[in-house]
C-alpha cells in the first residue's frame, strides 16, 4: 500500500532533520580536529571557535525542531488544529535557523582557512 502524502512529507522532513544534525555535528568535529593542529595562530583559532559555536547552535536548533515537530504531531492526533499549525510553523523556522547557522559556520571556517 503506497504512503499517503502526509506520511511522505513526514519522512522527507525527518531526512532533512537528520541531515541538519549530520552537517552541524560533522562541522564541529572537522573544525575541532583542524583547530587542534593550529598552534600559535590565535586569529585563526578564534575564528574557528566562532564556527564551532555556530555549528553547536545549529545542532541545538535542529534538536529543538525535532521536539517541536513531535509536539505538533501529538496535537494533530488530538485534532487541535490551531496549536498544531503554530508549532509546525515554529519548527520550520528552527530548521531554517539550523541551516543558517551551518551556512554561517562553514563560511567562517572557510574565511579562517584563508588566513593560513
Protein backbone atom coordinates (compact mmCIF):
# COMPACT_ATOMS: atom_id res chain seq x y z
CA UNK A 1 0.00 0.00 0.00
CA UNK A 2 1.53 3.38 -1.00
CA UNK A 3 2.29 6.07 1.58
CA UNK A 4 -0.14 8.91 1.99
CA UNK A 5 1.02 12.39 1.14
CA UNK A 6 1.28 13.25 4.83
CA UNK A 7 3.42 10.19 5.59
CA UNK A 8 5.71 11.08 2.70
CA UNK A 9 6.05 14.64 3.99
CA UNK A 10 6.95 13.40 7.46
CA UNK A 11 9.59 11.05 6.03
CA UNK A 12 11.05 13.86 3.92
CA UNK A 13 11.16 16.21 6.92
CA UNK A 14 12.84 13.55 9.02
CA UNK A 15 15.53 13.09 6.36
CA UNK A 16 16.06 16.86 6.37
CA UNK A 17 16.40 16.99 10.15
CA UNK A 18 18.84 14.09 10.18
CA UNK A 19 20.85 15.89 7.52
CA UNK A 20 20.97 19.10 9.59
CA UNK A 21 22.21 17.16 12.60
CA UNK A 22 24.81 15.38 10.49
CA UNK A 23 26.01 18.59 8.82
CA UNK A 24 26.33 20.59 12.04
CA UNK A 25 27.79 17.72 14.05
CA UNK A 26 30.27 16.92 11.30
CA UNK A 27 31.20 20.57 11.13
CA UNK A 28 32.02 20.63 14.84
CA UNK A 29 34.21 17.55 14.52
CA UNK A 30 36.00 18.82 11.42
CA UNK A 31 36.75 22.25 12.84
CA UNK A 32 37.90 20.89 16.21
CA UNK A 33 40.16 18.36 14.52
CA UNK A 34 41.68 21.02 12.29
CA UNK A 35 41.97 23.66 15.03
CA UNK A 36 43.81 21.21 17.26
CA UNK A 37 46.74 21.34 14.85
CA UNK A 38 46.99 25.14 14.82
CA UNK A 39 49.49 26.23 17.42
CA UNK A 40 50.39 29.88 17.73
CA UNK A 41 47.76 31.16 15.30
CA UNK A 42 45.31 32.81 17.66
CA UNK A 43 43.40 34.76 14.98
CA UNK A 44 42.63 31.59 13.05
CA UNK A 45 41.77 29.65 16.20
CA UNK A 46 39.36 32.36 17.40
CA UNK A 47 37.58 32.34 14.03
CA UNK A 48 37.39 28.55 14.22
CA UNK A 49 35.96 28.83 17.74
CA UNK A 50 33.18 31.05 16.42
CA UNK A 51 32.45 28.46 13.74
CA UNK A 52 32.20 25.75 16.39
CA UNK A 53 29.74 27.90 18.36
CA UNK A 54 27.59 28.38 15.28
CA UNK A 55 27.66 24.65 14.48
CA UNK A 56 26.57 23.90 18.07
CA UNK A 57 23.73 26.42 17.84
CA UNK A 58 22.74 24.74 14.59
CA UNK A 59 22.62 21.40 16.40
CA UNK A 60 20.52 22.90 19.19
CA UNK A 61 18.10 24.38 16.67
CA UNK A 62 17.77 21.04 14.86
CA UNK A 63 17.09 19.18 18.10
CA UNK A 64 14.56 21.84 19.13
CA UNK A 65 12.90 21.41 15.75
CA UNK A 66 12.56 17.68 16.38
CA UNK A 67 10.95 18.38 19.77
CA UNK A 68 8.54 20.90 18.23
CA UNK A 69 7.69 18.51 15.41
CA UNK A 70 6.87 15.77 17.91
CA UNK A 71 4.65 18.13 19.92
CA UNK A 72 2.92 19.33 16.74
CA UNK A 73 2.25 15.76 15.67
CA UNK A 74 0.74 14.99 19.08
CA UNK A 75 -1.57 18.00 18.77
CA UNK A 76 -2.59 16.92 15.29
CA UNK A 77 -3.57 13.46 16.52
CA UNK A 78 -5.73 15.17 19.16
CA UNK A 79 -7.37 17.33 16.44
CA UNK A 80 -6.08 20.59 17.90
CA UNK A 81 -5.52 22.34 14.59
CA UNK A 82 -4.61 25.80 15.89
CA UNK A 83 -1.81 24.59 18.17
CA UNK A 84 -0.59 22.19 15.51
CA UNK A 85 -0.23 24.92 12.88
CA UNK A 86 1.63 27.22 15.28
CA UNK A 87 4.09 24.57 16.40
CA UNK A 88 4.65 23.41 12.85
CA UNK A 89 5.46 26.98 11.76
CA UNK A 90 7.93 27.40 14.64
CA UNK A 91 9.50 24.04 13.76
CA UNK A 92 10.05 25.19 10.18
CA UNK A 93 11.65 28.41 11.44
CA UNK A 94 14.00 26.49 13.74
CA UNK A 95 15.02 24.15 10.93
CA UNK A 96 15.81 27.15 8.74
CA UNK A 97 17.77 28.63 11.65
CA UNK A 98 19.80 25.44 11.88
CA UNK A 99 20.60 25.60 8.18
CA UNK A 100 21.54 29.28 8.53
CA UNK A 101 23.85 28.51 11.44
CA UNK A 102 25.52 25.77 9.41
CA UNK A 103 26.00 28.13 6.48
CA UNK A 104 27.47 30.90 8.61
CA UNK A 105 29.77 28.47 10.42
CA UNK A 106 31.01 26.97 7.16
CA UNK A 107 31.68 30.43 5.72
CA UNK A 108 33.50 31.43 8.92
CA UNK A 109 35.67 28.32 8.81
CA UNK A 110 36.47 28.98 5.14
CA UNK A 111 37.44 32.57 5.95
CA UNK A 112 39.71 31.33 8.74
CA UNK A 113 41.42 28.99 6.31
CA UNK A 114 42.22 31.96 4.08
CA UNK A 115 44.30 33.41 6.90
CA UNK A 116 46.71 30.46 6.84
